[in-house]
């Protein structure tokens, strides 16, 4: 079973390398999925690398303050927490809350959606 998982990772990675023109959104999703996979396997350092790439490509696609990017920050927080790096986990959670708060305020008052806090 483990061997098949490793083979799947290789196949997905090969597809990614062979298609460099894929969108930043696709790259973000791929890195997020790998990050979640490595986190579930207890490979926390590798999970953080993958999730950092997720946030990077999501930021290129929709911006660092976008709801889609907030998911990457959330998963980073989860892995930091698993590593007992509580300050880092809380910083990522703060970022998620900041993004959600801005989004909700924008829904309640559209004039605040583009402006400040």
Protein backbone atom coordinates (compact mmCIF):
# COMPACT_ATOMS: atom_id res chain seq x y z
CA UNK A 1 0.00 0.00 0.00
CA UNK A 2 2.79 2.43 0.88
CA UNK A 3 4.54 1.59 -2.36
CA UNK A 4 1.42 2.57 -4.32
CA UNK A 5 1.19 5.89 -2.48
CA UNK A 6 4.81 6.65 -3.37
CA UNK A 7 4.11 5.77 -6.99
CA UNK A 8 1.07 8.06 -7.02
CA UNK A 9 3.16 10.93 -5.66
CA UNK A 10 5.73 10.34 -8.39
CA UNK A 11 3.10 10.25 -11.14
CA UNK A 12 1.49 13.46 -9.93
CA UNK A 13 4.86 15.14 -9.57
CA UNK A 14 5.85 14.04 -13.09
CA UNK A 15 2.63 15.45 -14.53
CA UNK A 16 3.29 18.72 -12.74
CA UNK A 17 6.85 18.96 -14.04
CA UNK A 18 5.79 18.08 -17.59
CA UNK A 19 3.09 20.79 -17.61
CA UNK A 20 4.82 23.98 -16.44
CA UNK A 21 2.12 26.10 -18.08
CA UNK A 22 -0.60 24.96 -15.67
CA UNK A 23 -2.28 27.75 -13.73
CA UNK A 24 -1.09 29.03 -10.39
CA UNK A 25 -4.40 27.81 -8.95
CA UNK A 26 -3.63 24.26 -10.08
CA UNK A 27 -0.11 24.48 -8.66
CA UNK A 28 -1.53 25.78 -5.38
CA UNK A 29 -4.02 22.93 -5.15
CA UNK A 30 -1.36 20.35 -5.95
CA UNK A 31 1.00 21.70 -3.30
CA UNK A 32 -1.83 21.91 -0.76
CA UNK A 33 -2.75 18.29 -1.38
CA UNK A 34 0.86 17.18 -1.04
CA UNK A 35 1.19 19.24 2.14
CA UNK A 36 -1.87 17.58 3.64
CA UNK A 37 -0.58 14.17 2.56
CA UNK A 38 2.83 14.71 4.16
CA UNK A 39 1.22 16.10 7.32
CA UNK A 40 -0.93 12.97 7.59
CA UNK A 41 2.23 10.87 7.26
CA UNK A 42 3.96 12.82 10.03
CA UNK A 43 6.46 14.38 7.58
CA UNK A 44 5.94 17.84 9.02
CA UNK A 45 8.96 19.63 7.56
CA UNK A 46 8.07 18.45 4.07
CA UNK A 47 4.42 19.35 4.69
CA UNK A 48 5.46 22.90 5.60
CA UNK A 49 7.51 23.21 2.39
CA UNK A 50 4.59 22.05 0.28
CA UNK A 51 2.08 24.30 2.09
CA UNK A 52 4.38 27.31 1.75
CA UNK A 53 4.38 26.68 -2.01
CA UNK A 54 0.59 26.43 -1.87
CA UNK A 55 0.35 29.86 -0.24
CA UNK A 56 2.86 31.29 -2.73
CA UNK A 57 1.00 30.11 -5.83
CA UNK A 58 -2.39 30.96 -4.37
CA UNK A 59 -1.09 34.46 -3.62
CA UNK A 60 0.08 34.82 -7.21
CA UNK A 61 -3.34 33.68 -8.46
CA UNK A 62 -5.73 35.57 -6.18
CA UNK A 63 -3.61 37.54 -3.69
CA UNK A 64 -2.27 36.84 -0.19
CA UNK A 65 -5.39 38.23 1.51
CA UNK A 66 -7.90 36.16 -0.46
CA UNK A 67 -10.22 33.54 1.00
CA UNK A 68 -8.65 30.83 -1.17
CA UNK A 69 -5.23 31.61 0.25
CA UNK A 70 -6.58 31.50 3.81
CA UNK A 71 -6.91 27.73 3.50
CA UNK A 72 -3.16 27.45 3.00
CA UNK A 73 -2.50 29.52 6.12
CA UNK A 74 -4.91 27.28 8.03
CA UNK A 75 -3.08 24.11 7.04
CA UNK A 76 0.27 25.74 7.88
CA UNK A 77 -1.15 26.53 11.33
CA UNK A 78 -2.20 22.91 11.75
CA UNK A 79 1.27 21.58 10.96
CA UNK A 80 2.98 24.17 13.18
CA UNK A 81 0.65 23.08 15.97
CA UNK A 82 1.57 19.42 15.40
CA UNK A 83 5.22 20.45 15.71
CA UNK A 84 4.40 22.23 18.99
CA UNK A 85 5.44 25.54 17.40
CA UNK A 86 2.54 27.31 19.01
CA UNK A 87 3.66 30.89 18.25
CA UNK A 88 3.86 30.10 14.54
CA UNK A 89 0.53 28.25 14.64
CA UNK A 90 -1.16 31.20 16.33
CA UNK A 91 0.35 33.64 13.83
CA UNK A 92 -1.13 31.62 10.97
CA UNK A 93 -4.49 31.41 12.77
CA UNK A 94 -4.42 35.19 13.23
CA UNK A 95 -3.89 35.55 9.48
CA UNK A 96 -6.86 33.29 8.74
CA UNK A 97 -9.10 35.24 11.13
CA UNK A 98 -7.92 38.55 9.62
CA UNK A 99 -8.80 37.37 6.11
CA UNK A 100 -12.19 35.99 7.16
CA UNK A 101 -13.02 39.14 9.12
CA UNK A 102 -12.22 41.31 6.11
CA UNK A 103 -14.38 39.03 3.94
CA UNK A 104 -17.35 39.09 6.31
CA UNK A 105 -17.11 42.86 6.73
CA UNK A 106 -17.12 43.13 2.94
CA UNK A 107 -20.29 41.07 2.80
CA UNK A 108 -21.98 43.23 5.42
CA UNK A 109 -20.70 46.53 4.03
CA UNK A 110 -19.42 46.24 0.43
CA UNK A 111 -17.66 49.63 0.71
CA UNK A 112 -15.20 47.96 3.16
CA UNK A 113 -14.46 45.03 0.87
CA UNK A 114 -11.72 46.86 -1.05
CA UNK A 115 -10.76 49.43 1.56
CA UNK A 116 -9.28 49.15 5.01
CA UNK A 117 -10.30 47.40 8.17
